[in-house]
């Protein structure tokens, strides 16, 4: 049974969009719906297509894509739980990770206080 089949039996399909290094890693894990993008305009169009397709329950995207999304789409993506969109830091350059508290606030709508 492939990973795609496993996720479909649990109610969802995962898509991955980003740089070659990120996408290939997820392909090796068995995720079939992967999209390599390297330019901002290409990443925006691909994200928009995936997000509004209603095919995916989770979209894993490179962090750089977030910066190319128009403000309205970025707000929709960040507030969405179906599909849930997770931004992964780039594997090269200046890595800026999202903190656990900001991820919980964005995804679950809760504040974690230290």
PDB file of N, CA and C in Angstrom:
ATOM      1  N   UNK A   1       0.848  -1.178   0.000  1.00  0.00           N
ATOM      2  CA  UNK A   1       0.000   0.000   0.000  1.00  0.00           C
ATOM      3  C   UNK A   1       0.894   1.242   0.000  1.00  0.00           C
ATOM      4  N   UNK A   2       0.664   2.150  -0.919  1.00  0.00           N
ATOM      5  CA  UNK A   2       1.499   3.361  -0.981  1.00  0.00           C
ATOM      6  C   UNK A   2       1.052   4.365   0.072  1.00  0.00           C
ATOM      7  N   UNK A   3       1.916   5.363   0.340  1.00  0.00           N
ATOM      8  CA  UNK A   3       1.572   6.407   1.308  1.00  0.00           C
ATOM      9  C   UNK A   3       0.340   7.162   0.888  1.00  0.00           C
ATOM     10  N   UNK A   4       0.182   7.373  -0.420  1.00  0.00           N
ATOM     11  CA  UNK A   4      -1.001   8.081  -0.916  1.00  0.00           C
ATOM     12  C   UNK A   4      -2.255   7.300  -0.563  1.00  0.00           C
ATOM     13  N   UNK A   5      -2.210   5.989  -0.767  1.00  0.00           N
ATOM     14  CA  UNK A   5      -3.365   5.177  -0.428  1.00  0.00           C
ATOM     15  C   UNK A   5      -3.632   5.210   1.067  1.00  0.00           C
ATOM     16  N   UNK A   6      -2.586   5.188   1.879  1.00  0.00           N
ATOM     17  CA  UNK A   6      -2.761   5.246   3.323  1.00  0.00           C
ATOM     18  C   UNK A   6      -3.433   6.536   3.746  1.00  0.00           C
ATOM     19  N   UNK A   7      -2.993   7.666   3.190  1.00  0.00           N
ATOM     20  CA  UNK A   7      -3.600   8.928   3.588  1.00  0.00           C
ATOM     21  C   UNK A   7      -5.022   9.037   3.078  1.00  0.00           C
ATOM     22  N   UNK A   8      -5.329   8.456   1.926  1.00  0.00           N
ATOM     23  CA  UNK A   8      -6.693   8.512   1.412  1.00  0.00           C
ATOM     24  C   UNK A   8      -7.637   7.697   2.285  1.00  0.00           C
ATOM     25  N   UNK A   9      -7.182   6.569   2.831  1.00  0.00           N
ATOM     26  CA  UNK A   9      -8.049   5.775   3.676  1.00  0.00           C
ATOM     27  C   UNK A   9      -8.320   6.468   5.003  1.00  0.00           C
ATOM     28  N   UNK A  10      -7.466   7.409   5.391  1.00  0.00           N
ATOM     29  CA  UNK A  10      -7.677   8.180   6.600  1.00  0.00           C
ATOM     30  C   UNK A  10      -8.358   9.507   6.280  1.00  0.00           C
ATOM     31  N   UNK A  11      -8.827   9.693   5.044  1.00  0.00           N
ATOM     32  CA  UNK A  11      -9.607  10.861   4.701  1.00  0.00           C
ATOM     33  C   UNK A  11      -8.861  11.981   4.019  1.00  0.00           C
ATOM     34  N   UNK A  12      -7.626  11.783   3.556  1.00  0.00           N
ATOM     35  CA  UNK A  12      -6.965  12.906   2.929  1.00  0.00           C
ATOM     36  C   UNK A  12      -5.777  12.554   2.076  1.00  0.00           C
ATOM     37  N   UNK A  13      -5.403  13.523   1.277  1.00  0.00           N
ATOM     38  CA  UNK A  13      -4.245  13.402   0.405  1.00  0.00           C
ATOM     39  C   UNK A  13      -3.320  14.574   0.713  1.00  0.00           C
ATOM     40  N   UNK A  14      -2.021  14.304   0.707  1.00  0.00           N
ATOM     41  CA  UNK A  14      -1.019  15.322   0.995  1.00  0.00           C
ATOM     42  C   UNK A  14      -0.350  15.750  -0.305  1.00  0.00           C
ATOM     43  N   UNK A  15      -0.129  17.056  -0.442  1.00  0.00           N
ATOM     44  CA  UNK A  15       0.633  17.603  -1.562  1.00  0.00           C
ATOM     45  C   UNK A  15       1.843  18.336  -1.002  1.00  0.00           C
ATOM     46  N   UNK A  16       2.928  18.328  -1.757  1.00  0.00           N
ATOM     47  CA  UNK A  16       4.153  19.035  -1.364  1.00  0.00           C
ATOM     48  C   UNK A  16       4.557  19.930  -2.524  1.00  0.00           C
ATOM     49  N   UNK A  17       4.859  21.191  -2.198  1.00  0.00           N
ATOM     50  CA  UNK A  17       5.257  22.156  -3.211  1.00  0.00           C
ATOM     51  C   UNK A  17       6.475  22.927  -2.708  1.00  0.00           C
ATOM     52  N   UNK A  18       7.497  23.017  -3.551  1.00  0.00           N
ATOM     53  CA  UNK A  18       8.678  23.756  -3.124  1.00  0.00           C
ATOM     54  C   UNK A  18       9.896  23.463  -3.950  1.00  0.00           C
ATOM     55  N   UNK A  19      11.062  23.794  -3.373  1.00  0.00           N
ATOM     56  CA  UNK A  19      12.324  23.563  -4.046  1.00  0.00           C
ATOM     57  C   UNK A  19      12.563  22.067  -4.230  1.00  0.00           C
ATOM     58  N   UNK A  20      13.426  21.784  -5.169  1.00  0.00           N
ATOM     59  CA  UNK A  20      13.743  20.403  -5.539  1.00  0.00           C
ATOM     60  C   UNK A  20      14.126  19.551  -4.322  1.00  0.00           C
ATOM     61  N   UNK A  21      14.978  20.081  -3.451  1.00  0.00           N
ATOM     62  CA  UNK A  21      15.468  19.318  -2.298  1.00  0.00           C
ATOM     63  C   UNK A  21      14.332  18.902  -1.368  1.00  0.00           C
ATOM     64  N   UNK A  22      13.414  19.815  -1.105  1.00  0.00           N
ATOM     65  CA  UNK A  22      12.283  19.515  -0.227  1.00  0.00           C
ATOM     66  C   UNK A  22      11.366  18.487  -0.857  1.00  0.00           C
ATOM     67  N   UNK A  23      11.032  18.705  -2.116  1.00  0.00           N
ATOM     68  CA  UNK A  23      10.086  17.838  -2.820  1.00  0.00           C
ATOM     69  C   UNK A  23      10.628  16.411  -2.949  1.00  0.00           C
ATOM     70  N   UNK A  24      11.879  16.274  -3.297  1.00  0.00           N
ATOM     71  CA  UNK A  24      12.459  14.942  -3.465  1.00  0.00           C
ATOM     72  C   UNK A  24      12.443  14.163  -2.152  1.00  0.00           C
ATOM     73  N   UNK A  25      12.686  14.847  -1.049  1.00  0.00           N
ATOM     74  CA  UNK A  25      12.620  14.182   0.254  1.00  0.00           C
ATOM     75  C   UNK A  25      11.251  13.567   0.519  1.00  0.00           C
ATOM     76  N   UNK A  26      10.205  14.286   0.196  1.00  0.00           N
ATOM     77  CA  UNK A  26       8.856  13.768   0.406  1.00  0.00           C
ATOM     78  C   UNK A  26       8.494  12.699  -0.620  1.00  0.00           C
ATOM     79  N   UNK A  27       9.024  12.813  -1.829  1.00  0.00           N
ATOM     80  CA  UNK A  27       8.809  11.745  -2.821  1.00  0.00           C
ATOM     81  C   UNK A  27       9.404  10.438  -2.321  1.00  0.00           C
ATOM     82  N   UNK A  28      10.586  10.532  -1.694  1.00  0.00           N
ATOM     83  CA  UNK A  28      11.225   9.332  -1.156  1.00  0.00           C
ATOM     84  C   UNK A  28      10.402   8.706  -0.033  1.00  0.00           C
ATOM     85  N   UNK A  29       9.604   9.521   0.645  1.00  0.00           N
ATOM     86  CA  UNK A  29       8.724   9.007   1.699  1.00  0.00           C
ATOM     87  C   UNK A  29       7.444   8.399   1.137  1.00  0.00           C
ATOM     88  N   UNK A  30       7.241   8.544  -0.177  1.00  0.00           N
ATOM     89  CA  UNK A  30       6.081   7.931  -0.809  1.00  0.00           C
ATOM     90  C   UNK A  30       4.942   8.873  -1.133  1.00  0.00           C
ATOM     91  N   UNK A  31       5.141  10.164  -0.964  1.00  0.00           N
ATOM     92  CA  UNK A  31       4.094  11.127  -1.314  1.00  0.00           C
ATOM     93  C   UNK A  31       4.203  11.403  -2.808  1.00  0.00           C
ATOM     94  N   UNK A  32       3.125  11.094  -3.535  1.00  0.00           N
ATOM     95  CA  UNK A  32       3.142  11.179  -4.989  1.00  0.00           C
ATOM     96  C   UNK A  32       2.835  12.570  -5.527  1.00  0.00           C
ATOM     97  N   UNK A  33       1.993  13.320  -4.857  1.00  0.00           N
ATOM     98  CA  UNK A  33       1.576  14.636  -5.349  1.00  0.00           C
ATOM     99  C   UNK A  33       2.581  15.694  -4.920  1.00  0.00           C
ATOM    100  N   UNK A  34       3.662  15.801  -5.694  1.00  0.00           N
ATOM    101  CA  UNK A  34       4.722  16.752  -5.380  1.00  0.00           C
ATOM    102  C   UNK A  34       4.937  17.663  -6.580  1.00  0.00           C
ATOM    103  N   UNK A  35       5.265  18.916  -6.299  1.00  0.00           N
ATOM    104  CA  UNK A  35       5.406  19.921  -7.341  1.00  0.00           C
ATOM    105  C   UNK A  35       6.663  20.744  -7.069  1.00  0.00           C
ATOM    106  N   UNK A  36       7.622  20.682  -7.986  1.00  0.00           N
ATOM    107  CA  UNK A  36       8.850  21.456  -7.844  1.00  0.00           C
ATOM    108  C   UNK A  36       8.616  22.833  -8.458  1.00  0.00           C
ATOM    109  N   UNK A  37       8.834  23.876  -7.671  1.00  0.00           N
ATOM    110  CA  UNK A  37       8.734  25.252  -8.164  1.00  0.00           C
ATOM    111  C   UNK A  37       9.973  26.005  -7.712  1.00  0.00           C
ATOM    112  N   UNK A  38      10.426  26.900  -8.553  1.00  0.00           N
ATOM    113  CA  UNK A  38      11.622  27.662  -8.211  1.00  0.00           C
ATOM    114  C   UNK A  38      11.414  29.164  -8.350  1.00  0.00           C
ATOM    115  N   UNK A  39      10.368  29.578  -9.046  1.00  0.00           N
ATOM    116  CA  UNK A  39      10.117  31.011  -9.253  1.00  0.00           C
ATOM    117  C   UNK A  39       8.875  31.425  -8.477  1.00  0.00           C
ATOM    118  N   UNK A  40       8.851  32.681  -8.055  1.00  0.00           N
ATOM    119  CA  UNK A  40       7.753  33.194  -7.258  1.00  0.00           C
ATOM    120  C   UNK A  40       6.411  33.140  -7.948  1.00  0.00           C
ATOM    121  N   UNK A  41       6.323  33.583  -9.208  1.00  0.00           N
ATOM    122  CA  UNK A  41       5.037  33.585  -9.907  1.00  0.00           C
ATOM    123  C   UNK A  41       4.535  32.165 -10.138  1.00  0.00           C
ATOM    124  N   UNK A  42       5.465  31.243 -10.406  1.00  0.00           N
ATOM    125  CA  UNK A  42       5.113  29.839 -10.591  1.00  0.00           C
ATOM    126  C   UNK A  42       4.602  29.241  -9.276  1.00  0.00           C
ATOM    127  N   UNK A  43       5.251  29.590  -8.174  1.00  0.00           N
ATOM    128  CA  UNK A  43       4.853  29.049  -6.870  1.00  0.00           C
ATOM    129  C   UNK A  43       3.471  29.556  -6.467  1.00  0.00           C
ATOM    130  N   UNK A  44       3.194  30.826  -6.724  1.00  0.00           N
ATOM    131  CA  UNK A  44       1.890  31.400  -6.399  1.00  0.00           C
ATOM    132  C   UNK A  44       0.780  30.682  -7.167  1.00  0.00           C
ATOM    133  N   UNK A  45       0.962  30.493  -8.463  1.00  0.00           N
ATOM    134  CA  UNK A  45      -0.070  29.851  -9.294  1.00  0.00           C
ATOM    135  C   UNK A  45      -0.299  28.404  -8.874  1.00  0.00           C
ATOM    136  N   UNK A  46       0.791  27.695  -8.576  1.00  0.00           N
ATOM    137  CA  UNK A  46       0.663  26.297  -8.162  1.00  0.00           C
ATOM    138  C   UNK A  46      -0.025  26.198  -6.802  1.00  0.00           C
ATOM    139  N   UNK A  47       0.351  27.049  -5.855  1.00  0.00           N
ATOM    140  CA  UNK A  47      -0.287  27.036  -4.537  1.00  0.00           C
ATOM    141  C   UNK A  47      -1.775  27.337  -4.656  1.00  0.00           C
ATOM    142  N   UNK A  48      -2.110  28.326  -5.443  1.00  0.00           N
ATOM    143  CA  UNK A  48      -3.512  28.695  -5.623  1.00  0.00           C
ATOM    144  C   UNK A  48      -4.309  27.515  -6.199  1.00  0.00           C
ATOM    145  N   UNK A  49      -3.750  26.857  -7.197  1.00  0.00           N
ATOM    146  CA  UNK A  49      -4.410  25.709  -7.825  1.00  0.00           C
ATOM    147  C   UNK A  49      -4.625  24.574  -6.814  1.00  0.00           C
ATOM    148  N   UNK A  50      -3.589  24.248  -6.047  1.00  0.00           N
ATOM    149  CA  UNK A  50      -3.697  23.174  -5.064  1.00  0.00           C
ATOM    150  C   UNK A  50      -4.677  23.532  -3.950  1.00  0.00           C
ATOM    151  N   UNK A  51      -4.583  24.750  -3.461  1.00  0.00           N
ATOM    152  CA  UNK A  51      -5.397  25.188  -2.332  1.00  0.00           C
ATOM    153  C   UNK A  51      -6.890  25.139  -2.656  1.00  0.00           C
ATOM    154  N   UNK A  52      -7.257  25.572  -3.848  1.00  0.00           N
ATOM    155  CA  UNK A  52      -8.674  25.629  -4.206  1.00  0.00           C
ATOM    156  C   UNK A  52      -9.177  24.384  -4.926  1.00  0.00           C
ATOM    157  N   UNK A  53      -8.336  23.362  -5.074  1.00  0.00           N
ATOM    158  CA  UNK A  53      -8.746  22.139  -5.776  1.00  0.00           C
ATOM    159  C   UNK A  53      -9.688  21.264  -4.941  1.00  0.00           C
ATOM    160  N   UNK A  54      -9.676  21.412  -3.629  1.00  0.00           N
ATOM    161  CA  UNK A  54     -10.472  20.592  -2.698  1.00  0.00           C
ATOM    162  C   UNK A  54     -10.069  19.120  -2.764  1.00  0.00           C
ATOM    163  N   UNK A  55      -8.878  18.850  -3.266  1.00  0.00           N
ATOM    164  CA  UNK A  55      -8.374  17.483  -3.353  1.00  0.00           C
ATOM    165  C   UNK A  55      -7.502  17.123  -2.156  1.00  0.00           C
ATOM    166  N   UNK A  56      -6.882  18.131  -1.531  1.00  0.00           N
ATOM    167  CA  UNK A  56      -5.877  17.876  -0.506  1.00  0.00           C
ATOM    168  C   UNK A  56      -6.370  18.273   0.876  1.00  0.00           C
ATOM    169  N   UNK A  57      -5.976  17.472   1.866  1.00  0.00           N
ATOM    170  CA  UNK A  57      -6.261  17.835   3.249  1.00  0.00           C
ATOM    171  C   UNK A  57      -5.056  18.498   3.895  1.00  0.00           C
ATOM    172  N   UNK A  58      -3.879  18.296   3.298  1.00  0.00           N
ATOM    173  CA  UNK A  58      -2.671  18.956   3.797  1.00  0.00           C
ATOM    174  C   UNK A  58      -1.784  19.335   2.621  1.00  0.00           C
ATOM    175  N   UNK A  59      -1.255  20.554   2.688  1.00  0.00           N
ATOM    176  CA  UNK A  59      -0.284  21.014   1.698  1.00  0.00           C
ATOM    177  C   UNK A  59       0.960  21.436   2.463  1.00  0.00           C
ATOM    178  N   UNK A  60       2.075  20.814   2.132  1.00  0.00           N
ATOM    179  CA  UNK A  60       3.352  21.175   2.726  1.00  0.00           C
ATOM    180  C   UNK A  60       4.079  22.020   1.691  1.00  0.00           C
ATOM    181  N   UNK A  61       4.450  23.246   2.068  1.00  0.00           N
ATOM    182  CA  UNK A  61       5.046  24.176   1.121  1.00  0.00           C
ATOM    183  C   UNK A  61       6.321  24.779   1.681  1.00  0.00           C
ATOM    184  N   UNK A  62       7.237  25.099   0.792  1.00  0.00           N
ATOM    185  CA  UNK A  62       8.456  25.804   1.183  1.00  0.00           C
ATOM    186  C   UNK A  62       8.102  27.184   1.710  1.00  0.00           C
ATOM    187  N   UNK A  63       8.829  27.644   2.682  1.00  0.00           N
ATOM    188  CA  UNK A  63       8.589  28.949   3.296  1.00  0.00           C
ATOM    189  C   UNK A  63       8.640  30.088   2.273  1.00  0.00           C
ATOM    190  N   UNK A  64       9.515  29.985   1.268  1.00  0.00           N
ATOM    191  CA  UNK A  64       9.641  31.073   0.302  1.00  0.00           C
ATOM    192  C   UNK A  64       8.340  31.333  -0.447  1.00  0.00           C
ATOM    193  N   UNK A  65       7.504  30.305  -0.589  1.00  0.00           N
ATOM    194  CA  UNK A  65       6.238  30.465  -1.306  1.00  0.00           C
ATOM    195  C   UNK A  65       5.315  31.425  -0.569  1.00  0.00           C
ATOM    196  N   UNK A  66       5.332  31.367   0.743  1.00  0.00           N
ATOM    197  CA  UNK A  66       4.491  32.248   1.557  1.00  0.00           C
ATOM    198  C   UNK A  66       4.723  33.715   1.209  1.00  0.00           C
ATOM    199  N   UNK A  67       5.970  34.076   0.970  1.00  0.00           N
ATOM    200  CA  UNK A  67       6.313  35.466   0.667  1.00  0.00           C
ATOM    201  C   UNK A  67       5.766  35.942  -0.679  1.00  0.00           C
ATOM    202  N   UNK A  68       5.480  35.024  -1.588  1.00  0.00           N
ATOM    203  CA  UNK A  68       4.976  35.387  -2.910  1.00  0.00           C
ATOM    204  C   UNK A  68       3.457  35.390  -3.006  1.00  0.00           C
ATOM    205  N   UNK A  69       2.785  34.943  -1.970  1.00  0.00           N
ATOM    206  CA  UNK A  69       1.327  34.917  -2.009  1.00  0.00           C
ATOM    207  C   UNK A  69       0.768  36.322  -1.795  1.00  0.00           C
ATOM    208  N   UNK A  70      -0.246  36.697  -2.577  1.00  0.00           N
ATOM    209  CA  UNK A  70      -0.903  37.977  -2.316  1.00  0.00           C
ATOM    210  C   UNK A  70      -1.495  37.967  -0.904  1.00  0.00           C
ATOM    211  N   UNK A  71      -1.628  39.113  -0.307  1.00  0.00           N
ATOM    212  CA  UNK A  71      -2.052  39.225   1.090  1.00  0.00           C
ATOM    213  C   UNK A  71      -3.346  38.472   1.377  1.00  0.00           C
ATOM    214  N   UNK A  72      -4.351  38.630   0.536  1.00  0.00           N
ATOM    215  CA  UNK A  72      -5.639  37.973   0.781  1.00  0.00           C
ATOM    216  C   UNK A  72      -5.504  36.453   0.750  1.00  0.00           C
ATOM    217  N   UNK A  73      -4.795  35.922  -0.245  1.00  0.00           N
ATOM    218  CA  UNK A  73      -4.606  34.472  -0.323  1.00  0.00           C
ATOM    219  C   UNK A  73      -3.769  33.982   0.852  1.00  0.00           C
ATOM    220  N   UNK A  74      -2.725  34.720   1.225  1.00  0.00           N
ATOM    221  CA  UNK A  74      -1.888  34.316   2.362  1.00  0.00           C
ATOM    222  C   UNK A  74      -2.718  34.220   3.637  1.00  0.00           C
ATOM    223  N   UNK A  75      -3.615  35.183   3.858  1.00  0.00           N
ATOM    224  CA  UNK A  75      -4.469  35.139   5.049  1.00  0.00           C
ATOM    225  C   UNK A  75      -5.400  33.933   5.013  1.00  0.00           C
ATOM    226  N   UNK A  76      -5.960  33.622   3.839  1.00  0.00           N
ATOM    227  CA  UNK A  76      -6.831  32.438   3.713  1.00  0.00           C
ATOM    228  C   UNK A  76      -6.057  31.160   3.993  1.00  0.00           C
ATOM    229  N   UNK A  77      -4.856  31.066   3.424  1.00  0.00           N
ATOM    230  CA  UNK A  77      -4.024  29.885   3.594  1.00  0.00           C
ATOM    231  C   UNK A  77      -3.635  29.706   5.056  1.00  0.00           C
ATOM    232  N   UNK A  78      -3.238  30.790   5.706  1.00  0.00           N
ATOM    233  CA  UNK A  78      -2.805  30.699   7.103  1.00  0.00           C
ATOM    234  C   UNK A  78      -3.958  30.394   8.052  1.00  0.00           C
ATOM    235  N   UNK A  79      -5.168  30.768   7.702  1.00  0.00           N
ATOM    236  CA  UNK A  79      -6.324  30.518   8.563  1.00  0.00           C
ATOM    237  C   UNK A  79      -6.989  29.174   8.275  1.00  0.00           C
ATOM    238  N   UNK A  80      -6.618  28.530   7.191  1.00  0.00           N
ATOM    239  CA  UNK A  80      -7.289  27.314   6.749  1.00  0.00           C
ATOM    240  C   UNK A  80      -6.883  26.093   7.578  1.00  0.00           C
ATOM    241  N   UNK A  81      -7.870  25.261   7.851  1.00  0.00           N
ATOM    242  CA  UNK A  81      -7.565  23.958   8.444  1.00  0.00           C
ATOM    243  C   UNK A  81      -7.935  22.833   7.479  1.00  0.00           C
ATOM    244  N   UNK A  82      -8.630  23.156   6.407  1.00  0.00           N
ATOM    245  CA  UNK A  82      -8.946  22.171   5.365  1.00  0.00           C
ATOM    246  C   UNK A  82      -8.858  22.855   4.019  1.00  0.00           C
ATOM    247  N   UNK A  83      -7.763  22.795   3.344  1.00  0.00           N
ATOM    248  CA  UNK A  83      -6.574  22.024   3.697  1.00  0.00           C
ATOM    249  C   UNK A  83      -5.708  22.760   4.720  1.00  0.00           C
ATOM    250  N   UNK A  84      -5.015  22.003   5.508  1.00  0.00           N
ATOM    251  CA  UNK A  84      -4.035  22.549   6.433  1.00  0.00           C
ATOM    252  C   UNK A  84      -2.759  22.790   5.634  1.00  0.00           C
ATOM    253  N   UNK A  85      -2.231  24.005   5.704  1.00  0.00           N
ATOM    254  CA  UNK A  85      -1.016  24.344   4.968  1.00  0.00           C
ATOM    255  C   UNK A  85       0.111  24.573   5.961  1.00  0.00           C
ATOM    256  N   UNK A  86       1.190  23.815   5.801  1.00  0.00           N
ATOM    257  CA  UNK A  86       2.367  23.953   6.646  1.00  0.00           C
ATOM    258  C   UNK A  86       3.512  24.467   5.804  1.00  0.00           C
ATOM    259  N   UNK A  87       4.164  25.517   6.275  1.00  0.00           N
ATOM    260  CA  UNK A  87       5.314  26.071   5.570  1.00  0.00           C
ATOM    261  C   UNK A  87       6.587  25.543   6.210  1.00  0.00           C
ATOM    262  N   UNK A  88       7.430  24.929   5.381  1.00  0.00           N
ATOM    263  CA  UNK A  88       8.690  24.365   5.839  1.00  0.00           C
ATOM    264  C   UNK A  88       9.817  25.328   5.520  1.00  0.00           C
ATOM    265  N   UNK A  89      10.777  25.491   6.419  1.00  0.00           N
ATOM    266  CA  UNK A  89      11.915  26.371   6.129  1.00  0.00           C
ATOM    267  C   UNK A  89      12.733  25.841   4.959  1.00  0.00           C
ATOM    268  N   UNK A  90      13.353  26.747   4.254  1.00  0.00           N
ATOM    269  CA  UNK A  90      14.219  26.392   3.132  1.00  0.00           C
ATOM    270  C   UNK A  90      15.393  25.577   3.647  1.00  0.00           C
ATOM    271  N   UNK A  91      15.877  24.681   2.814  1.00  0.00           N
ATOM    272  CA  UNK A  91      17.006  23.847   3.206  1.00  0.00           C
ATOM    273  C   UNK A  91      18.343  24.532   2.984  1.00  0.00           C
ATOM    274  N   UNK A  92      18.297  25.759   2.469  1.00  0.00           N
ATOM    275  CA  UNK A  92      19.537  26.508   2.267  1.00  0.00           C
ATOM    276  C   UNK A  92      19.299  27.960   2.619  1.00  0.00           C
ATOM    277  N   UNK A  93      20.367  28.665   2.888  1.00  0.00           N
ATOM    278  CA  UNK A  93      20.244  30.080   3.212  1.00  0.00           C
ATOM    279  C   UNK A  93      19.848  30.293   4.660  1.00  0.00           C
ATOM    280  N   UNK A  94      19.200  31.405   4.928  1.00  0.00           N
ATOM    281  CA  UNK A  94      18.794  31.791   6.272  1.00  0.00           C
ATOM    282  C   UNK A  94      17.506  31.062   6.658  1.00  0.00           C
ATOM    283  N   UNK A  95      17.614  30.116   7.565  1.00  0.00           N
ATOM    284  CA  UNK A  95      16.452  29.327   7.974  1.00  0.00           C
ATOM    285  C   UNK A  95      15.741  30.051   9.102  1.00  0.00           C
ATOM    286  N   UNK A  96      14.462  30.343   8.877  1.00  0.00           N
ATOM    287  CA  UNK A  96      13.632  30.973   9.894  1.00  0.00           C
ATOM    288  C   UNK A  96      12.447  30.058  10.156  1.00  0.00           C
ATOM    289  N   UNK A  97      12.455  29.414  11.299  1.00  0.00           N
ATOM    290  CA  UNK A  97      11.395  28.472  11.630  1.00  0.00           C
ATOM    291  C   UNK A  97      10.261  29.181  12.351  1.00  0.00           C
ATOM    292  N   UNK A  98       9.059  28.669  12.136  1.00  0.00           N
ATOM    293  CA  UNK A  98       7.903  29.180  12.841  1.00  0.00           C
ATOM    294  C   UNK A  98       7.906  28.565  14.233  1.00  0.00           C
ATOM    295  N   UNK A  99       7.689  29.390  15.238  1.00  0.00           N
ATOM    296  CA  UNK A  99       7.701  28.869  16.604  1.00  0.00           C
ATOM    297  C   UNK A  99       6.470  27.998  16.842  1.00  0.00           C
ATOM    298  N   UNK A 100       6.572  27.127  17.832  1.00  0.00           N
ATOM    299  CA  UNK A 100       5.449  26.257  18.190  1.00  0.00           C
ATOM    300  C   UNK A 100       4.243  27.094  18.595  1.00  0.00           C
ATOM    301  N   UNK A 101       4.477  28.165  19.338  1.00  0.00           N
ATOM    302  CA  UNK A 101       3.351  28.981  19.793  1.00  0.00           C
ATOM    303  C   UNK A 101       2.658  29.684  18.621  1.00  0.00           C
ATOM    304  N   UNK A 102       3.416  30.190  17.643  1.00  0.00           N
ATOM    305  CA  UNK A 102       2.767  30.850  16.509  1.00  0.00           C
ATOM    306  C   UNK A 102       2.079  29.826  15.613  1.00  0.00           C
ATOM    307  N   UNK A 103       2.630  28.609  15.496  1.00  0.00           N
ATOM    308  CA  UNK A 103       1.976  27.556  14.734  1.00  0.00           C
ATOM    309  C   UNK A 103       0.656  27.151  15.397  1.00  0.00           C
ATOM    310  N   UNK A 104       0.656  26.995  16.716  1.00  0.00           N
ATOM    311  CA  UNK A 104      -0.569  26.642  17.436  1.00  0.00           C
ATOM    312  C   UNK A 104      -1.620  27.735  17.299  1.00  0.00           C
ATOM    313  N   UNK A 105      -1.181  28.980  17.367  1.00  0.00           N
ATOM    314  CA  UNK A 105      -2.109  30.099  17.221  1.00  0.00           C
ATOM    315  C   UNK A 105      -2.706  30.112  15.812  1.00  0.00           C
ATOM    316  N   UNK A 106      -1.851  29.874  14.795  1.00  0.00           N
ATOM    317  CA  UNK A 106      -2.304  29.916  13.405  1.00  0.00           C
ATOM    318  C   UNK A 106      -3.196  28.735  13.060  1.00  0.00           C
ATOM    319  N   UNK A 107      -2.806  27.536  13.479  1.00  0.00           N
ATOM    320  CA  UNK A 107      -3.519  26.327  13.090  1.00  0.00           C
ATOM    321  C   UNK A 107      -4.687  26.005  14.009  1.00  0.00           C
ATOM    322  N   UNK A 108      -4.467  26.104  15.307  1.00  0.00           N
ATOM    323  CA  UNK A 108      -5.490  25.694  16.271  1.00  0.00           C
ATOM    324  C   UNK A 108      -6.281  26.859  16.850  1.00  0.00           C
ATOM    325  N   UNK A 109      -5.760  28.071  16.701  1.00  0.00           N
ATOM    326  CA  UNK A 109      -6.449  29.235  17.245  1.00  0.00           C
ATOM    327  C   UNK A 109      -6.296  29.380  18.752  1.00  0.00           C
ATOM    328  N   UNK A 110      -5.221  28.810  19.286  1.00  0.00           N
ATOM    329  CA  UNK A 110      -4.997  28.918  20.724  1.00  0.00           C
ATOM    330  C   UNK A 110      -3.656  29.591  20.991  1.00  0.00           C
ATOM    331  N   UNK A 111      -3.560  30.244  22.125  1.00  0.00           N
ATOM    332  CA  UNK A 111      -2.303  30.878  22.545  1.00  0.00           C
ATOM    333  C   UNK A 111      -1.627  30.001  23.582  1.00  0.00           C
ATOM    334  N   UNK A 112      -0.356  29.739  23.361  1.00  0.00           N
ATOM    335  CA  UNK A 112       0.436  28.993  24.339  1.00  0.00           C
ATOM    336  C   UNK A 112       1.309  29.978  25.047  1.00  0.00           C
ATOM    337  N   UNK A 113       1.165  30.049  26.370  1.00  0.00           N
ATOM    338  CA  UNK A 113       1.981  30.954  27.164  1.00  0.00           C
ATOM    339  C   UNK A 113       3.054  30.167  27.880  1.00  0.00           C
ATOM    340  N   UNK A 114       4.227  30.721  27.895  1.00  0.00           N
ATOM    341  CA  UNK A 114       5.371  30.055  28.528  1.00  0.00           C
ATOM    342  C   UNK A 114       5.419  30.356  29.994  1.00  0.00           C
TER     343      UNK A 114
END
